[in-house]
Amino acid sequence: MARARSGIVRKRRVKKTLERAKGFYGNSSRQVRTAKPAVMRALSYAYRDRRDKKSMYRSLWNVRINAGARECGLSYSKLINGMKKAGIILNRKMLSNLAIEDAAAFKAVVALAQKHLG
């Protein structure tokens, strides 16, 4: 039996690749031969960056918390240490949100942490 070269399975695969490559520059969005490696590369970057995004957000939260803590006369590390000693369980995302949106509540948390530092 002859080998099928242009069957429905291949057409679907090509169509899926070109749909994923929509918006790519030049022939990478129109030709399968150039689109396929570009799509593979894009998928691997997307996989990697979904994981990197988590650490980027955490470092952003830390920067925001540090800025808020320094306005109250504490460093980031001393604030976190004081919170642990005081038994305050707030994750960094919520603490960052407090520093931005509710300064009074953030200052209350900082005051509690400072009291337990000694």
PDB file of N, CA and C in Angstrom:
ATOM      1  N   MET A   1       0.840  -1.173   0.000  1.00  0.00           N
ATOM      2  CA  MET A   1       0.000   0.000   0.000  1.00  0.00           C
ATOM      3  C   MET A   1       0.892   1.246   0.000  1.00  0.00           C
ATOM      4  N   ALA A   2       0.485   2.242  -0.749  1.00  0.00           N
ATOM      5  CA  ALA A   2       1.262   3.468  -0.874  1.00  0.00           C
ATOM      6  C   ALA A   2       1.169   4.287   0.411  1.00  0.00           C
ATOM      7  N   ARG A   3       2.211   5.057   0.652  1.00  0.00           N
ATOM      8  CA  ARG A   3       2.241   5.885   1.852  1.00  0.00           C
ATOM      9  C   ARG A   3       1.406   7.140   1.614  1.00  0.00           C
ATOM     10  N   ALA A   4       0.510   7.444   2.565  1.00  0.00           N
ATOM     11  CA  ALA A   4      -0.327   8.634   2.441  1.00  0.00           C
ATOM     12  C   ALA A   4       0.478   9.847   2.893  1.00  0.00           C
ATOM     13  N   ARG A   5       0.518  10.857   2.032  1.00  0.00           N
ATOM     14  CA  ARG A   5       1.315  12.036   2.348  1.00  0.00           C
ATOM     15  C   ARG A   5       0.474  13.277   2.612  1.00  0.00           C
ATOM     16  N   SER A   6      -0.750  13.287   2.125  1.00  0.00           N
ATOM     17  CA  SER A   6      -1.531  14.511   2.279  1.00  0.00           C
ATOM     18  C   SER A   6      -2.921  14.206   2.819  1.00  0.00           C
ATOM     19  N   GLY A   7      -2.950  13.354   3.819  1.00  0.00           N
ATOM     20  CA  GLY A   7      -4.225  12.957   4.396  1.00  0.00           C
ATOM     21  C   GLY A   7      -4.748  13.971   5.390  1.00  0.00           C
ATOM     22  N   ILE A   8      -5.905  13.669   5.940  1.00  0.00           N
ATOM     23  CA  ILE A   8      -6.580  14.580   6.860  1.00  0.00           C
ATOM     24  C   ILE A   8      -5.784  14.794   8.147  1.00  0.00           C
ATOM     25  N   VAL A   9      -5.069  13.776   8.600  1.00  0.00           N
ATOM     26  CA  VAL A   9      -4.277  13.902   9.835  1.00  0.00           C
ATOM     27  C   VAL A   9      -3.184  14.944   9.657  1.00  0.00           C
ATOM     28  N   ARG A  10      -2.493  14.884   8.516  1.00  0.00           N
ATOM     29  CA  ARG A  10      -1.429  15.854   8.262  1.00  0.00           C
ATOM     30  C   ARG A  10      -2.000  17.255   8.121  1.00  0.00           C
ATOM     31  N   LYS A  11      -3.126  17.359   7.432  1.00  0.00           N
ATOM     32  CA  LYS A  11      -3.747  18.682   7.260  1.00  0.00           C
ATOM     33  C   LYS A  11      -4.134  19.282   8.612  1.00  0.00           C
ATOM     34  N   ARG A  12      -4.660  18.461   9.499  1.00  0.00           N
ATOM     35  CA  ARG A  12      -5.031  18.947  10.835  1.00  0.00           C
ATOM     36  C   ARG A  12      -3.798  19.401  11.610  1.00  0.00           C
ATOM     37  N   ARG A  13      -2.723  18.616  11.518  1.00  0.00           N
ATOM     38  CA  ARG A  13      -1.489  18.955  12.243  1.00  0.00           C
ATOM     39  C   ARG A  13      -0.915  20.278  11.736  1.00  0.00           C
ATOM     40  N   VAL A  14      -0.909  20.448  10.396  1.00  0.00           N
ATOM     41  CA  VAL A  14      -0.398  21.681   9.794  1.00  0.00           C
ATOM     42  C   VAL A  14      -1.265  22.866  10.217  1.00  0.00           C
ATOM     43  N   LYS A  15      -2.572  22.658  10.186  1.00  0.00           N
ATOM     44  CA  LYS A  15      -3.501  23.726  10.552  1.00  0.00           C
ATOM     45  C   LYS A  15      -3.293  24.154  12.007  1.00  0.00           C
ATOM     46  N   LYS A  16      -3.100  23.152  12.879  1.00  0.00           N
ATOM     47  CA  LYS A  16      -2.881  23.449  14.300  1.00  0.00           C
ATOM     48  C   LYS A  16      -1.579  24.234  14.497  1.00  0.00           C
ATOM     49  N   THR A  17      -0.535  23.850  13.772  1.00  0.00           N
ATOM     50  CA  THR A  17       0.743  24.544  13.883  1.00  0.00           C
ATOM     51  C   THR A  17       0.616  25.986  13.413  1.00  0.00           C
ATOM     52  N   LEU A  18      -0.065  26.185  12.275  1.00  0.00           N
ATOM     53  CA  LEU A  18      -0.200  27.543  11.736  1.00  0.00           C
ATOM     54  C   LEU A  18      -1.116  28.405  12.609  1.00  0.00           C
ATOM     55  N   GLU A  19      -2.113  27.803  13.244  1.00  0.00           N
ATOM     56  CA  GLU A  19      -2.954  28.563  14.168  1.00  0.00           C
ATOM     57  C   GLU A  19      -2.149  29.027  15.375  1.00  0.00           C
ATOM     58  N   ARG A  20      -1.262  28.161  15.868  1.00  0.00           N
ATOM     59  CA  ARG A  20      -0.417  28.536  17.002  1.00  0.00           C
ATOM     60  C   ARG A  20       0.592  29.608  16.620  1.00  0.00           C
ATOM     61  N   ALA A  21       0.979  29.648  15.337  1.00  0.00           N
ATOM     62  CA  ALA A  21       1.989  30.592  14.876  1.00  0.00           C
ATOM     63  C   ALA A  21       1.380  31.917  14.429  1.00  0.00           C
ATOM     64  N   LYS A  22       0.087  32.074  14.600  1.00  0.00           N
ATOM     65  CA  LYS A  22      -0.583  33.295  14.185  1.00  0.00           C
ATOM     66  C   LYS A  22       0.018  34.480  14.929  1.00  0.00           C
ATOM     67  N   GLY A  23       0.405  35.518  14.193  1.00  0.00           N
ATOM     68  CA  GLY A  23       0.994  36.698  14.800  1.00  0.00           C
ATOM     69  C   GLY A  23       2.508  36.674  14.808  1.00  0.00           C
ATOM     70  N   PHE A  24       3.130  35.565  14.419  1.00  0.00           N
ATOM     71  CA  PHE A  24       4.582  35.510  14.345  1.00  0.00           C
ATOM     72  C   PHE A  24       5.059  36.363  13.170  1.00  0.00           C
ATOM     73  N   TYR A  25       6.330  36.736  13.197  1.00  0.00           N
ATOM     74  CA  TYR A  25       6.899  37.627  12.197  1.00  0.00           C
ATOM     75  C   TYR A  25       7.265  36.872  10.922  1.00  0.00           C
ATOM     76  N   GLY A  26       6.972  37.452   9.772  1.00  0.00           N
ATOM     77  CA  GLY A  26       7.413  36.929   8.477  1.00  0.00           C
ATOM     78  C   GLY A  26       6.828  35.579   8.143  1.00  0.00           C
ATOM     79  N   ASN A  27       7.660  34.737   7.518  1.00  0.00           N
ATOM     80  CA  ASN A  27       7.205  33.428   7.072  1.00  0.00           C
ATOM     81  C   ASN A  27       6.913  32.481   8.228  1.00  0.00           C
ATOM     82  N   SER A  28       7.319  32.824   9.406  1.00  0.00           N
ATOM     83  CA  SER A  28       7.063  31.951  10.554  1.00  0.00           C
ATOM     84  C   SER A  28       5.581  31.803  10.855  1.00  0.00           C
ATOM     85  N   SER A  29       4.774  32.688  10.294  1.00  0.00           N
ATOM     86  CA  SER A  29       3.331  32.570  10.518  1.00  0.00           C
ATOM     87  C   SER A  29       2.615  31.993   9.298  1.00  0.00           C
ATOM     88  N   ARG A  30       3.376  31.745   8.195  1.00  0.00           N
ATOM     89  CA  ARG A  30       2.719  31.302   6.963  1.00  0.00           C
ATOM     90  C   ARG A  30       3.233  29.968   6.430  1.00  0.00           C
ATOM     91  N   GLN A  31       4.486  29.675   6.669  1.00  0.00           N
ATOM     92  CA  GLN A  31       5.065  28.442   6.136  1.00  0.00           C
ATOM     93  C   GLN A  31       5.285  27.440   7.261  1.00  0.00           C
ATOM     94  N   VAL A  32       4.869  26.203   7.011  1.00  0.00           N
ATOM     95  CA  VAL A  32       4.943  25.184   8.054  1.00  0.00           C
ATOM     96  C   VAL A  32       6.385  24.888   8.426  1.00  0.00           C
ATOM     97  N   ARG A  33       7.267  24.884   7.445  1.00  0.00           N
ATOM     98  CA  ARG A  33       8.659  24.523   7.705  1.00  0.00           C
ATOM     99  C   ARG A  33       9.320  25.502   8.674  1.00  0.00           C
ATOM    100  N   THR A  34       8.980  26.781   8.571  1.00  0.00           N
ATOM    101  CA  THR A  34       9.561  27.755   9.499  1.00  0.00           C
ATOM    102  C   THR A  34       8.692  27.948  10.736  1.00  0.00           C
ATOM    103  N   ALA A  35       7.390  27.682  10.599  1.00  0.00           N
ATOM    104  CA  ALA A  35       6.483  27.872  11.728  1.00  0.00           C
ATOM    105  C   ALA A  35       6.698  26.810  12.800  1.00  0.00           C
ATOM    106  N   LYS A  36       6.974  25.578  12.385  1.00  0.00           N
ATOM    107  CA  LYS A  36       7.057  24.481  13.346  1.00  0.00           C
ATOM    108  C   LYS A  36       8.133  24.707  14.409  1.00  0.00           C
ATOM    109  N   PRO A  37       9.393  25.016  14.030  1.00  0.00           N
ATOM    110  CA  PRO A  37      10.395  25.265  15.088  1.00  0.00           C
ATOM    111  C   PRO A  37      10.090  26.513  15.914  1.00  0.00           C
ATOM    112  N   ALA A  38       9.483  27.522  15.272  1.00  0.00           N
ATOM    113  CA  ALA A  38       9.142  28.738  16.013  1.00  0.00           C
ATOM    114  C   ALA A  38       8.081  28.446  17.068  1.00  0.00           C
ATOM    115  N   VAL A  39       7.107  27.609  16.708  1.00  0.00           N
ATOM    116  CA  VAL A  39       6.054  27.240  17.654  1.00  0.00           C
ATOM    117  C   VAL A  39       6.638  26.403  18.785  1.00  0.00           C
ATOM    118  N   MET A  40       7.518  25.465  18.470  1.00  0.00           N
ATOM    119  CA  MET A  40       8.140  24.629  19.493  1.00  0.00           C
ATOM    120  C   MET A  40       8.931  25.490  20.483  1.00  0.00           C
ATOM    121  N   ARG A  41       9.667  26.456  19.929  1.00  0.00           N
ATOM    122  CA  ARG A  41      10.441  27.356  20.779  1.00  0.00           C
ATOM    123  C   ARG A  41       9.505  28.183  21.668  1.00  0.00           C
ATOM    124  N   ALA A  42       8.431  28.697  21.072  1.00  0.00           N
ATOM    125  CA  ALA A  42       7.483  29.513  21.832  1.00  0.00           C
ATOM    126  C   ALA A  42       6.827  28.703  22.946  1.00  0.00           C
ATOM    127  N   LEU A  43       6.492  27.441  22.662  1.00  0.00           N
ATOM    128  CA  LEU A  43       5.878  26.595  23.681  1.00  0.00           C
ATOM    129  C   LEU A  43       6.838  26.313  24.830  1.00  0.00           C
ATOM    130  N   SER A  44       8.123  26.121  24.499  1.00  0.00           N
ATOM    131  CA  SER A  44       9.089  25.853  25.567  1.00  0.00           C
ATOM    132  C   SER A  44       9.310  27.107  26.424  1.00  0.00           C
ATOM    133  N   TYR A  45       9.329  28.298  25.786  1.00  0.00           N
ATOM    134  CA  TYR A  45       9.446  29.541  26.546  1.00  0.00           C
ATOM    135  C   TYR A  45       8.220  29.741  27.432  1.00  0.00           C
ATOM    136  N   ALA A  46       7.027  29.418  26.895  1.00  0.00           N
ATOM    137  CA  ALA A  46       5.797  29.584  27.668  1.00  0.00           C
ATOM    138  C   ALA A  46       5.818  28.680  28.894  1.00  0.00           C
ATOM    139  N   TYR A  47       6.295  27.446  28.729  1.00  0.00           N
ATOM    140  CA  TYR A  47       6.380  26.496  29.849  1.00  0.00           C
ATOM    141  C   TYR A  47       7.332  27.033  30.915  1.00  0.00           C
ATOM    142  N   ARG A  48       8.501  27.485  30.475  1.00  0.00           N
ATOM    143  CA  ARG A  48       9.509  27.998  31.410  1.00  0.00           C
ATOM    144  C   ARG A  48       8.999  29.251  32.128  1.00  0.00           C
ATOM    145  N   ASP A  49       8.378  30.148  31.364  1.00  0.00           N
ATOM    146  CA  ASP A  49       7.998  31.433  31.930  1.00  0.00           C
ATOM    147  C   ASP A  49       6.775  31.350  32.835  1.00  0.00           C
ATOM    148  N   ARG A  50       5.968  30.303  32.677  1.00  0.00           N
ATOM    149  CA  ARG A  50       4.875  30.119  33.635  1.00  0.00           C
ATOM    150  C   ARG A  50       5.438  29.853  35.022  1.00  0.00           C
ATOM    151  N   ARG A  51       6.582  29.225  35.093  1.00  0.00           N
ATOM    152  CA  ARG A  51       7.239  28.967  36.372  1.00  0.00           C
ATOM    153  C   ARG A  51       8.002  30.198  36.854  1.00  0.00           C
ATOM    154  N   ASP A  52       8.652  30.901  35.923  1.00  0.00           N
ATOM    155  CA  ASP A  52       9.400  32.109  36.283  1.00  0.00           C
ATOM    156  C   ASP A  52       8.487  33.212  36.806  1.00  0.00           C
ATOM    157  N   LYS A  53       7.250  33.236  36.292  1.00  0.00           N
ATOM    158  CA  LYS A  53       6.310  34.284  36.686  1.00  0.00           C
ATOM    159  C   LYS A  53       6.069  34.261  38.193  1.00  0.00           C
ATOM    160  N   LYS A  54       6.048  33.074  38.777  1.00  0.00           N
ATOM    161  CA  LYS A  54       5.792  32.947  40.203  1.00  0.00           C
ATOM    162  C   LYS A  54       6.903  33.609  41.026  1.00  0.00           C
ATOM    163  N   SER A  55       8.145  33.389  40.633  1.00  0.00           N
ATOM    164  CA  SER A  55       9.251  33.988  41.386  1.00  0.00           C
ATOM    165  C   SER A  55       9.328  35.489  41.135  1.00  0.00           C
ATOM    166  N   MET A  56       8.943  35.923  39.925  1.00  0.00           N
ATOM    167  CA  MET A  56       8.955  37.357  39.634  1.00  0.00           C
ATOM    168  C   MET A  56       7.922  38.095  40.490  1.00  0.00           C
ATOM    169  N   TYR A  57       6.744  37.492  40.635  1.00  0.00           N
ATOM    170  CA  TYR A  57       5.723  38.127  41.475  1.00  0.00           C
ATOM    171  C   TYR A  57       6.158  38.170  42.928  1.00  0.00           C
ATOM    172  N   ARG A  58       6.767  37.088  43.400  1.00  0.00           N
ATOM    173  CA  ARG A  58       7.207  37.078  44.797  1.00  0.00           C
ATOM    174  C   ARG A  58       8.251  38.172  45.045  1.00  0.00           C
ATOM    175  N   SER A  59       9.186  38.358  44.118  1.00  0.00           N
ATOM    176  CA  SER A  59      10.194  39.405  44.309  1.00  0.00           C
ATOM    177  C   SER A  59       9.557  40.797  44.227  1.00  0.00           C
ATOM    178  N   LEU A  60       8.524  40.955  43.389  1.00  0.00           N
ATOM    179  CA  LEU A  60       7.811  42.231  43.336  1.00  0.00           C
ATOM    180  C   LEU A  60       7.120  42.518  44.665  1.00  0.00           C
ATOM    181  N   TRP A  61       6.471  41.491  45.229  1.00  0.00           N
ATOM    182  CA  TRP A  61       5.815  41.666  46.521  1.00  0.00           C
ATOM    183  C   TRP A  61       6.830  42.051  47.591  1.00  0.00           C
ATOM    184  N   ASN A  62       8.005  41.396  47.558  1.00  0.00           N
ATOM    185  CA  ASN A  62       9.041  41.694  48.557  1.00  0.00           C
ATOM    186  C   ASN A  62       9.504  43.145  48.453  1.00  0.00           C
ATOM    187  N   VAL A  63       9.643  43.647  47.220  1.00  0.00           N
ATOM    188  CA  VAL A  63      10.067  45.034  47.013  1.00  0.00           C
ATOM    189  C   VAL A  63       9.017  45.985  47.579  1.00  0.00           C
ATOM    190  N   ARG A  64       7.748  45.683  47.334  1.00  0.00           N
ATOM    191  CA  ARG A  64       6.667  46.544  47.829  1.00  0.00           C
ATOM    192  C   ARG A  64       6.602  46.532  49.362  1.00  0.00           C
ATOM    193  N   ILE A  65       6.772  45.346  49.936  1.00  0.00           N
ATOM    194  CA  ILE A  65       6.750  45.233  51.406  1.00  0.00           C
ATOM    195  C   ILE A  65       7.920  46.005  52.001  1.00  0.00           C
ATOM    196  N   ASN A  66       9.091  45.874  51.391  1.00  0.00           N
ATOM    197  CA  ASN A  66      10.284  46.571  51.872  1.00  0.00           C
ATOM    198  C   ASN A  66      10.070  48.084  51.823  1.00  0.00           C
ATOM    199  N   ALA A  67       9.478  48.571  50.725  1.00  0.00           N
ATOM    200  CA  ALA A  67       9.231  50.011  50.601  1.00  0.00           C
ATOM    201  C   ALA A  67       8.280  50.487  51.708  1.00  0.00           C
ATOM    202  N   GLY A  68       7.224  49.712  51.940  1.00  0.00           N
ATOM    203  CA  GLY A  68       6.276  50.081  52.990  1.00  0.00           C
ATOM    204  C   GLY A  68       6.900  50.005  54.375  1.00  0.00           C
ATOM    205  N   ALA A  69       7.731  48.992  54.598  1.00  0.00           N
ATOM    206  CA  ALA A  69       8.366  48.825  55.906  1.00  0.00           C
ATOM    207  C   ALA A  69       9.361  49.941  56.181  1.00  0.00           C
ATOM    208  N   ARG A  70      10.088  50.355  55.178  1.00  0.00           N
ATOM    209  CA  ARG A  70      11.087  51.412  55.363  1.00  0.00           C
ATOM    210  C   ARG A  70      10.431  52.758  55.666  1.00  0.00           C
ATOM    211  N   GLU A  71       9.212  52.966  55.162  1.00  0.00           N
ATOM    212  CA  GLU A  71       8.483  54.182  55.525  1.00  0.00           C
ATOM    213  C   GLU A  71       8.150  54.195  57.021  1.00  0.00           C
ATOM    214  N   CYS A  72       8.003  52.998  57.584  1.00  0.00           N
ATOM    215  CA  CYS A  72       7.694  52.878  59.012  1.00  0.00           C
ATOM    216  C   CYS A  72       8.952  52.706  59.864  1.00  0.00           C
ATOM    217  N   GLY A  73      10.117  52.754  59.239  1.00  0.00           N
ATOM    218  CA  GLY A  73      11.369  52.695  59.992  1.00  0.00           C
ATOM    219  C   GLY A  73      11.903  51.297  60.244  1.00  0.00           C
ATOM    220  N   LEU A  74      11.496  50.304  59.445  1.00  0.00           N
ATOM    221  CA  LEU A  74      11.984  48.929  59.572  1.00  0.00           C
ATOM    222  C   LEU A  74      12.485  48.442  58.225  1.00  0.00           C
ATOM    223  N   SER A  75      13.381  47.473  58.258  1.00  0.00           N
ATOM    224  CA  SER A  75      13.781  46.834  57.001  1.00  0.00           C
ATOM    225  C   SER A  75      12.871  45.630  56.759  1.00  0.00           C
ATOM    226  N   TYR A  76      12.918  45.119  55.549  1.00  0.00           N
ATOM    227  CA  TYR A  76      12.082  43.983  55.169  1.00  0.00           C
ATOM    228  C   TYR A  76      12.359  42.776  56.061  1.00  0.00           C
ATOM    229  N   SER A  77      13.646  42.471  56.255  1.00  0.00           N
ATOM    230  CA  SER A  77      13.995  41.262  57.004  1.00  0.00           C
ATOM    231  C   SER A  77      13.588  41.379  58.476  1.00  0.00           C
ATOM    232  N   LYS A  78      13.730  42.572  59.043  1.00  0.00           N
ATOM    233  CA  LYS A  78      13.328  42.762  60.435  1.00  0.00           C
ATOM    234  C   LYS A  78      11.809  42.683  60.579  1.00  0.00           C
ATOM    235  N   LEU A  79      11.098  43.176  59.571  1.00  0.00           N
ATOM    236  CA  LEU A  79       9.638  43.092  59.603  1.00  0.00           C
ATOM    237  C   LEU A  79       9.174  41.644  59.577  1.00  0.00           C
ATOM    238  N   ILE A  80       9.741  40.855  58.669  1.00  0.00           N
ATOM    239  CA  ILE A  80       9.351  39.444  58.558  1.00  0.00           C
ATOM    240  C   ILE A  80       9.718  38.688  59.837  1.00  0.00           C
ATOM    241  N   ASN A  81      10.897  38.986  60.390  1.00  0.00           N
ATOM    242  CA  ASN A  81      11.326  38.354  61.636  1.00  0.00           C
ATOM    243  C   ASN A  81      10.380  38.710  62.778  1.00  0.00           C
ATOM    244  N   GLY A  82      10.029  39.995  62.889  1.00  0.00           N
ATOM    245  CA  GLY A  82       9.106  40.434  63.921  1.00  0.00           C
ATOM    246  C   GLY A  82       7.724  39.817  63.766  1.00  0.00           C
ATOM    247  N   MET A  83       7.283  39.657  62.538  1.00  0.00           N
ATOM    248  CA  MET A  83       5.972  39.036  62.290  1.00  0.00           C
ATOM    249  C   MET A  83       5.974  37.573  62.727  1.00  0.00           C
ATOM    250  N   LYS A  84       7.074  36.882  62.454  1.00  0.00           N
ATOM    251  CA  LYS A  84       7.162  35.481  62.874  1.00  0.00           C
ATOM    252  C   LYS A  84       7.157  35.361  64.386  1.00  0.00           C
ATOM    253  N   LYS A  85       7.882  36.257  65.068  1.00  0.00           N
ATOM    254  CA  LYS A  85       7.921  36.228  66.530  1.00  0.00           C
ATOM    255  C   LYS A  85       6.559  36.595  67.138  1.00  0.00           C
ATOM    256  N   ALA A  86       5.842  37.485  66.449  1.00  0.00           N
ATOM    257  CA  ALA A  86       4.527  37.908  66.935  1.00  0.00           C
ATOM    258  C   ALA A  86       3.441  36.888  66.593  1.00  0.00           C
ATOM    259  N   GLY A  87       3.760  35.946  65.731  1.00  0.00           N
ATOM    260  CA  GLY A  87       2.782  34.935  65.348  1.00  0.00           C
ATOM    261  C   GLY A  87       1.797  35.423  64.306  1.00  0.00           C
ATOM    262  N   ILE A  88       2.176  36.457  63.551  1.00  0.00           N
ATOM    263  CA  ILE A  88       1.316  36.992  62.491  1.00  0.00           C
ATOM    264  C   ILE A  88       1.560  36.163  61.232  1.00  0.00           C
ATOM    265  N   ILE A  89       0.506  35.504  60.767  1.00  0.00           N
ATOM    266  CA  ILE A  89       0.637  34.671  59.568  1.00  0.00           C
ATOM    267  C   ILE A  89      -0.057  35.381  58.413  1.00  0.00           C
ATOM    268  N   LEU A  90       0.724  36.109  57.648  1.00  0.00           N
ATOM    269  CA  LEU A  90       0.238  36.788  56.442  1.00  0.00           C
ATOM    270  C   LEU A  90       1.193  36.459  55.314  1.00  0.00           C
ATOM    271  N   ASN A  91       0.656  36.019  54.180  1.00  0.00           N
ATOM    272  CA  ASN A  91       1.574  35.746  53.078  1.00  0.00           C
ATOM    273  C   ASN A  91       2.018  37.048  52.422  1.00  0.00           C
ATOM    274  N   ARG A  92       3.056  36.972  51.623  1.00  0.00           N
ATOM    275  CA  ARG A  92       3.662  38.175  51.068  1.00  0.00           C
ATOM    276  C   ARG A  92       2.734  38.894  50.092  1.00  0.00           C
ATOM    277  N   LYS A  93       1.895  38.140  49.412  1.00  0.00           N
ATOM    278  CA  LYS A  93       0.961  38.763  48.474  1.00  0.00           C
ATOM    279  C   LYS A  93      -0.016  39.670  49.220  1.00  0.00           C
ATOM    280  N   MET A  94      -0.571  39.151  50.307  1.00  0.00           N
ATOM    281  CA  MET A  94      -1.538  39.935  51.076  1.00  0.00           C
ATOM    282  C   MET A  94      -0.860  41.107  51.793  1.00  0.00           C
ATOM    283  N   LEU A  95       0.347  40.873  52.276  1.00  0.00           N
ATOM    284  CA  LEU A  95       1.094  41.939  52.956  1.00  0.00           C
ATOM    285  C   LEU A  95       1.405  43.074  51.979  1.00  0.00           C
ATOM    286  N   SER A  96       1.780  42.703  50.760  1.00  0.00           N
ATOM    287  CA  SER A  96       2.043  43.687  49.716  1.00  0.00           C
ATOM    288  C   SER A  96       0.782  44.476  49.387  1.00  0.00           C
ATOM    289  N   ASN A  97      -0.340  43.759  49.315  1.00  0.00           N
ATOM    290  CA  ASN A  97      -1.626  44.410  49.050  1.00  0.00           C
ATOM    291  C   ASN A  97      -1.965  45.407  50.161  1.00  0.00           C
ATOM    292  N   LEU A  98      -1.713  45.014  51.401  1.00  0.00           N
ATOM    293  CA  LEU A  98      -1.953  45.920  52.531  1.00  0.00           C
ATOM    294  C   LEU A  98      -1.093  47.173  52.413  1.00  0.00           C
ATOM    295  N   ALA A  99       0.164  46.992  52.048  1.00  0.00           N
ATOM    296  CA  ALA A  99       1.087  48.128  51.948  1.00  0.00           C
ATOM    297  C   ALA A  99       0.607  49.125  50.892  1.00  0.00           C
ATOM    298  N   ILE A 100      -0.009  48.621  49.833  1.00  0.00           N
ATOM    299  CA  ILE A 100      -0.455  49.500  48.751  1.00  0.00           C
ATOM    300  C   ILE A 100      -1.822  50.114  49.056  1.00  0.00           C
ATOM    301  N   GLU A 101      -2.773  49.282  49.463  1.00  0.00           N
ATOM    302  CA  GLU A 101      -4.169  49.716  49.517  1.00  0.00           C
ATOM    303  C   GLU A 101      -4.618  50.207  50.901  1.00  0.00           C
ATOM    304  N   ASP A 102      -4.074  49.639  51.965  1.00  0.00           N
ATOM    305  CA  ASP A 102      -4.532  49.993  53.302  1.00  0.00           C
ATOM    306  C   ASP A 102      -3.325  50.279  54.194  1.00  0.00           C
ATOM    307  N   ALA A 103      -2.846  51.510  54.113  1.00  0.00           N
ATOM    308  CA  ALA A 103      -1.625  51.888  54.829  1.00  0.00           C
ATOM    309  C   ALA A 103      -1.797  51.792  56.341  1.00  0.00           C
ATOM    310  N   ALA A 104      -2.993  52.100  56.835  1.00  0.00           N
ATOM    311  CA  ALA A 104      -3.222  52.068  58.286  1.00  0.00           C
ATOM    312  C   ALA A 104      -3.093  50.650  58.829  1.00  0.00           C
ATOM    313  N   ALA A 105      -3.674  49.676  58.121  1.00  0.00           N
ATOM    314  CA  ALA A 105      -3.576  48.285  58.555  1.00  0.00           C
ATOM    315  C   ALA A 105      -2.138  47.792  58.473  1.00  0.00           C
ATOM    316  N   PHE A 106      -1.432  48.210  57.426  1.00  0.00           N
ATOM    317  CA  PHE A 106      -0.033  47.808  57.277  1.00  0.00           C
ATOM    318  C   PHE A 106       0.804  48.373  58.422  1.00  0.00           C
ATOM    319  N   LYS A 107       0.537  49.624  58.781  1.00  0.00           N
ATOM    320  CA  LYS A 107       1.287  50.236  59.891  1.00  0.00           C
ATOM    321  C   LYS A 107       0.991  49.528  61.213  1.00  0.00           C
ATOM    322  N   ALA A 108      -0.238  49.037  61.361  1.00  0.00           N
ATOM    323  CA  ALA A 108      -0.582  48.293  62.574  1.00  0.00           C
ATOM    324  C   ALA A 108       0.189  46.978  62.634  1.00  0.00           C
ATOM    325  N   VAL A 109       0.320  46.304  61.487  1.00  0.00           N
ATOM    326  CA  VAL A 109       1.096  45.057  61.428  1.00  0.00           C
ATOM    327  C   VAL A 109       2.559  45.338  61.745  1.00  0.00           C
ATOM    328  N   VAL A 110       3.086  46.432  61.167  1.00  0.00           N
ATOM    329  CA  VAL A 110       4.491  46.797  61.411  1.00  0.00           C
ATOM    330  C   VAL A 110       4.695  47.122  62.892  1.00  0.00           C
ATOM    331  N   ALA A 111       3.742  47.805  63.513  1.00  0.00           N
ATOM    332  CA  ALA A 111       3.864  48.160  64.936  1.00  0.00           C
ATOM    333  C   ALA A 111       3.875  46.890  65.799  1.00  0.00           C
ATOM    334  N   LEU A 112       3.014  45.941  65.481  1.00  0.00           N
ATOM    335  CA  LEU A 112       3.018  44.672  66.218  1.00  0.00           C
ATOM    336  C   LEU A 112       4.337  43.933  66.063  1.00  0.00           C
ATOM    337  N   ALA A 113       4.841  43.910  64.838  1.00  0.00           N
ATOM    338  CA  ALA A 113       6.104  43.224  64.580  1.00  0.00           C
ATOM    339  C   ALA A 113       7.254  43.905  65.308  1.00  0.00           C
ATOM    340  N   GLN A 114       7.224  45.244  65.327  1.00  0.00           N
ATOM    341  CA  GLN A 114       8.284  46.005  65.971  1.00  0.00           C
ATOM    342  C   GLN A 114       8.274  45.793  67.489  1.00  0.00           C
ATOM    343  N   LYS A 115       7.069  45.657  68.044  1.00  0.00           N
ATOM    344  CA  LYS A 115       6.929  45.438  69.482  1.00  0.00           C
ATOM    345  C   LYS A 115       7.542  44.103  69.902  1.00  0.00           C
ATOM    346  N   HIS A 116       7.426  43.078  69.034  1.00  0.00           N
ATOM    347  CA  HIS A 116       7.949  41.768  69.371  1.00  0.00           C
ATOM    348  C   HIS A 116       9.436  41.605  69.050  1.00  0.00           C
ATOM    349  N   LEU A 117      10.021  42.590  68.390  1.00  0.00           N
ATOM    350  CA  LEU A 117      11.462  42.523  68.111  1.00  0.00           C
ATOM    351  C   LEU A 117      12.292  42.818  69.358  1.00  0.00           C
ATOM    352  N   GLY A 118      11.749  43.619  70.222  1.00  0.00           N
ATOM    353  CA  GLY A 118      12.489  43.866  71.461  1.00  0.00           C
ATOM    354  C   GLY A 118      12.927  45.246  71.603  1.00  0.00           C
TER     355      GLY A 118
END
